[in-house]
Amino acid sequence: MTSKIIYTGDLRCSAEHLQSGTMIESDAPTDNHGKGERFSPTDLCATSLAECALTTIAILGKDKNINIDGAYCNLQKIMKGDPRRIGEIVCNFVFPDSYSDEEKEFIEETAHNCPVAKSLHPDLVQTMVFIYQ
């Protein structure tokens, strides 16, 4: 088992990661009857894309001596209706270091092919922008 999720009432859930015991709480968004006081389930889905991309780049980049410490992503989740779903995830990745063209190609290809990117439905638009400072 990976996690245990409990509906705690008032449109909120609490999830425990069973291996570590860490907790995540979610709340329905304000545009869907919630208070918006926590990440919504769709926020967590969108956030997982950026976290997976950064983590995968870091893991695979070790063998290439590519360090992305301090890199971050400003993320926007765009919802669609009928049926209600995530329509687009916009990831603006910022890397605080300079990289060669070959390293940039590796970073971008790795982000586009991380496990979460490959697990999302093909109708969900994944827009990834890479900014190198």
C-alpha atoms as a PDB file:
ATOM      1  CA  MET A   1       0.000   0.000   0.000  1.00  0.00           C
ATOM      2  CA  THR A   2       1.177   3.518  -0.796  1.00  0.00           C
ATOM      3  CA  SER A   3      -1.186   5.683   1.206  1.00  0.00           C
ATOM      4  CA  LYS A   4      -4.332   5.800   3.265  1.00  0.00           C
ATOM      5  CA  ILE A   5      -6.851   8.518   2.446  1.00  0.00           C
ATOM      6  CA  ILE A   6      -9.639   9.488   4.837  1.00  0.00           C
ATOM      7  CA  TYR A   7     -12.561  11.750   4.005  1.00  0.00           C
ATOM      8  CA  THR A   8     -12.616  14.021   7.059  1.00  0.00           C
ATOM      9  CA  GLY A   9     -15.798  15.915   6.177  1.00  0.00           C
ATOM     10  CA  ASP A  10     -16.496  19.432   4.941  1.00  0.00           C
ATOM     11  CA  LEU A  11     -15.114  18.498   1.470  1.00  0.00           C
ATOM     12  CA  ARG A  12     -11.670  17.682   2.864  1.00  0.00           C
ATOM     13  CA  CYS A  13      -9.458  14.621   2.851  1.00  0.00           C
ATOM     14  CA  SER A  14      -6.362  13.642   4.767  1.00  0.00           C
ATOM     15  CA  ALA A  15      -3.783  11.365   3.164  1.00  0.00           C
ATOM     16  CA  GLU A  16      -1.014   9.529   5.001  1.00  0.00           C
ATOM     17  CA  HIS A  17       2.061   8.322   3.124  1.00  0.00           C
ATOM     18  CA  LEU A  18       2.427   4.921   4.760  1.00  0.00           C
ATOM     19  CA  GLN A  19       6.196   4.531   4.350  1.00  0.00           C
ATOM     20  CA  SER A  20       7.086   7.859   5.968  1.00  0.00           C
ATOM     21  CA  GLY A  21       3.983   8.810   7.936  1.00  0.00           C
ATOM     22  CA  THR A  22       3.848  12.273   6.336  1.00  0.00           C
ATOM     23  CA  MET A  23       0.423  13.797   5.823  1.00  0.00           C
ATOM     24  CA  ILE A  24      -1.253  15.843   3.100  1.00  0.00           C
ATOM     25  CA  GLU A  25      -4.618  17.512   3.531  1.00  0.00           C
ATOM     26  CA  SER A  26      -6.780  18.574   0.614  1.00  0.00           C
ATOM     27  CA  ASP A  27      -9.808  20.837   0.297  1.00  0.00           C
ATOM     28  CA  ALA A  28     -12.282  21.373  -2.500  1.00  0.00           C
ATOM     29  CA  PRO A  29     -11.563  24.588  -4.429  1.00  0.00           C
ATOM     30  CA  THR A  30     -13.672  27.689  -3.949  1.00  0.00           C
ATOM     31  CA  ASP A  31     -15.148  27.337  -7.440  1.00  0.00           C
ATOM     32  CA  ASN A  32     -16.454  23.882  -6.495  1.00  0.00           C
ATOM     33  CA  HIS A  33     -18.087  24.375  -3.082  1.00  0.00           C
ATOM     34  CA  GLY A  34     -14.878  24.241  -1.029  1.00  0.00           C
ATOM     35  CA  LYS A  35     -13.021  26.739   1.116  1.00  0.00           C
ATOM     36  CA  GLY A  36      -9.804  26.608  -0.917  1.00  0.00           C
ATOM     37  CA  GLU A  37      -7.742  26.461   2.272  1.00  0.00           C
ATOM     38  CA  ARG A  38      -5.568  23.565   1.100  1.00  0.00           C
ATOM     39  CA  PHE A  39      -4.366  22.136  -2.207  1.00  0.00           C
ATOM     40  CA  SER A  40      -7.316  20.657  -4.103  1.00  0.00           C
ATOM     41  CA  PRO A  41      -6.988  17.172  -5.576  1.00  0.00           C
ATOM     42  CA  THR A  42      -6.490  18.697  -9.036  1.00  0.00           C
ATOM     43  CA  ASP A  43      -3.877  21.098  -7.605  1.00  0.00           C
ATOM     44  CA  LEU A  44      -1.991  18.073  -6.299  1.00  0.00           C
ATOM     45  CA  CYS A  45      -2.211  16.363  -9.688  1.00  0.00           C
ATOM     46  CA  ALA A  46      -0.833  19.426 -11.482  1.00  0.00           C
ATOM     47  CA  THR A  47       1.839  19.990  -8.843  1.00  0.00           C
ATOM     48  CA  SER A  48       2.931  16.367  -9.215  1.00  0.00           C
ATOM     49  CA  LEU A  49       3.864  17.022 -12.834  1.00  0.00           C
ATOM     50  CA  ALA A  50       6.363  19.752 -11.917  1.00  0.00           C
ATOM     51  CA  GLU A  51       7.723  17.861  -8.912  1.00  0.00           C
ATOM     52  CA  CYS A  52       8.208  14.712 -10.984  1.00  0.00           C
ATOM     53  CA  ALA A  53       9.946  16.618 -13.780  1.00  0.00           C
ATOM     54  CA  LEU A  54      12.370  18.329 -11.387  1.00  0.00           C
ATOM     55  CA  THR A  55      13.062  15.141  -9.441  1.00  0.00           C
ATOM     56  CA  THR A  56      13.633  13.082 -12.593  1.00  0.00           C
ATOM     57  CA  ILE A  57      16.002  15.712 -14.000  1.00  0.00           C
ATOM     58  CA  ALA A  58      17.937  15.651 -10.713  1.00  0.00           C
ATOM     59  CA  ILE A  59      18.116  11.837 -10.612  1.00  0.00           C
ATOM     60  CA  LEU A  60      19.151  11.323 -14.218  1.00  0.00           C
ATOM     61  CA  GLY A  61      21.302  14.456 -14.254  1.00  0.00           C
ATOM     62  CA  LYS A  62      23.621  13.109 -11.546  1.00  0.00           C
ATOM     63  CA  ASP A  63      25.358  10.820 -14.029  1.00  0.00           C
ATOM     64  CA  LYS A  64      25.899  13.830 -16.313  1.00  0.00           C
ATOM     65  CA  ASN A  65      27.074  16.140 -13.485  1.00  0.00           C
ATOM     66  CA  ILE A  66      24.041  18.361 -14.026  1.00  0.00           C
ATOM     67  CA  ASN A  67      23.091  20.113 -10.800  1.00  0.00           C
ATOM     68  CA  ILE A  68      19.681  21.790 -10.638  1.00  0.00           C
ATOM     69  CA  ASP A  69      19.735  22.802  -6.957  1.00  0.00           C
ATOM     70  CA  GLY A  70      17.587  25.894  -6.556  1.00  0.00           C
ATOM     71  CA  ALA A  71      15.553  25.266  -9.717  1.00  0.00           C
ATOM     72  CA  TYR A  72      11.850  25.929  -9.328  1.00  0.00           C
ATOM     73  CA  CYS A  73       8.577  25.920 -11.197  1.00  0.00           C
ATOM     74  CA  ASN A  74       5.805  28.508 -11.242  1.00  0.00           C
ATOM     75  CA  LEU A  75       2.766  26.425 -12.111  1.00  0.00           C
ATOM     76  CA  GLN A  76      -0.680  27.278 -13.407  1.00  0.00           C
ATOM     77  CA  LYS A  77      -3.519  24.780 -13.552  1.00  0.00           C
ATOM     78  CA  ILE A  78      -6.286  25.595 -16.026  1.00  0.00           C
ATOM     79  CA  MET A  79      -9.601  23.826 -15.532  1.00  0.00           C
ATOM     80  CA  LYS A  80     -12.156  22.930 -18.204  1.00  0.00           C
ATOM     81  CA  GLY A  81     -15.782  21.991 -17.864  1.00  0.00           C
ATOM     82  CA  ASP A  82     -18.161  19.424 -19.307  1.00  0.00           C
ATOM     83  CA  PRO A  83     -16.785  17.237 -17.837  1.00  0.00           C
ATOM     84  CA  ARG A  84     -14.908  19.166 -15.148  1.00  0.00           C
ATOM     85  CA  ARG A  85     -11.225  18.333 -15.497  1.00  0.00           C
ATOM     86  CA  ILE A  86      -7.751  19.792 -15.791  1.00  0.00           C
ATOM     87  CA  GLY A  87      -7.446  21.134 -19.334  1.00  0.00           C
ATOM     88  CA  GLU A  88      -3.883  22.443 -19.199  1.00  0.00           C
ATOM     89  CA  ILE A  89      -0.929  22.531 -16.847  1.00  0.00           C
ATOM     90  CA  VAL A  90       1.530  25.346 -17.500  1.00  0.00           C
ATOM     91  CA  CYS A  91       4.962  24.770 -15.960  1.00  0.00           C
ATOM     92  CA  ASN A  92       7.387  27.690 -16.033  1.00  0.00           C
ATOM     93  CA  PHE A  93      10.661  26.096 -14.954  1.00  0.00           C
ATOM     94  CA  VAL A  94      13.452  28.414 -13.825  1.00  0.00           C
ATOM     95  CA  PHE A  95      17.010  27.116 -13.578  1.00  0.00           C
ATOM     96  CA  PRO A  96      19.395  29.399 -11.638  1.00  0.00           C
ATOM     97  CA  ASP A  97      22.526  28.254 -13.422  1.00  0.00           C
ATOM     98  CA  SER A  98      23.922  28.271 -16.936  1.00  0.00           C
ATOM     99  CA  TYR A  99      23.925  25.085 -18.964  1.00  0.00           C
ATOM    100  CA  SER A 100      25.327  23.981 -22.304  1.00  0.00           C
ATOM    101  CA  ASP A 101      22.949  23.438 -25.221  1.00  0.00           C
ATOM    102  CA  GLU A 102      23.364  19.688 -24.729  1.00  0.00           C
ATOM    103  CA  GLU A 103      22.478  19.972 -21.019  1.00  0.00           C
ATOM    104  CA  LYS A 104      19.436  22.124 -21.819  1.00  0.00           C
ATOM    105  CA  GLU A 105      18.256  19.532 -24.329  1.00  0.00           C
ATOM    106  CA  PHE A 106      18.669  16.810 -21.689  1.00  0.00           C
ATOM    107  CA  ILE A 107      16.762  18.875 -19.075  1.00  0.00           C
ATOM    108  CA  GLU A 108      13.863  19.610 -21.412  1.00  0.00           C
ATOM    109  CA  GLU A 109      13.583  16.100 -22.848  1.00  0.00           C
ATOM    110  CA  THR A 110      13.720  14.597 -19.354  1.00  0.00           C
ATOM    111  CA  ALA A 111      10.961  16.918 -18.076  1.00  0.00           C
ATOM    112  CA  HIS A 112       8.674  16.064 -21.003  1.00  0.00           C
ATOM    113  CA  ASN A 113       9.240  12.340 -20.422  1.00  0.00           C
ATOM    114  CA  CYS A 114       9.044  12.072 -16.633  1.00  0.00           C
ATOM    115  CA  PRO A 115       6.722   9.373 -15.239  1.00  0.00           C
ATOM    116  CA  VAL A 116       3.885  11.764 -14.367  1.00  0.00           C
ATOM    117  CA  ALA A 117       4.039  13.439 -17.792  1.00  0.00           C
ATOM    118  CA  LYS A 118       3.730  10.007 -19.387  1.00  0.00           C
ATOM    119  CA  SER A 119       0.881   8.999 -17.043  1.00  0.00           C
ATOM    120  CA  LEU A 120      -1.463  11.923 -17.722  1.00  0.00           C
ATOM    121  CA  HIS A 121      -4.181  11.661 -20.363  1.00  0.00           C
ATOM    122  CA  PRO A 122      -3.018  12.831 -23.799  1.00  0.00           C
ATOM    123  CA  ASP A 123      -5.933  15.331 -23.971  1.00  0.00           C
ATOM    124  CA  LEU A 124      -4.425  17.234 -21.030  1.00  0.00           C
ATOM    125  CA  VAL A 125      -2.183  19.945 -22.475  1.00  0.00           C
ATOM    126  CA  GLN A 126       1.239  20.062 -20.804  1.00  0.00           C
ATOM    127  CA  THR A 127       2.915  23.385 -21.528  1.00  0.00           C
ATOM    128  CA  MET A 128       6.504  23.496 -20.311  1.00  0.00           C
ATOM    129  CA  VAL A 129       8.594  26.666 -20.514  1.00  0.00           C
ATOM    130  CA  PHE A 130      12.299  26.563 -19.593  1.00  0.00           C
ATOM    131  CA  ILE A 131      14.073  29.679 -18.355  1.00  0.00           C
ATOM    132  CA  TYR A 132      17.836  29.577 -17.770  1.00  0.00           C
ATOM    133  CA  GLN A 133      19.378  32.380 -15.714  1.00  0.00           C
END
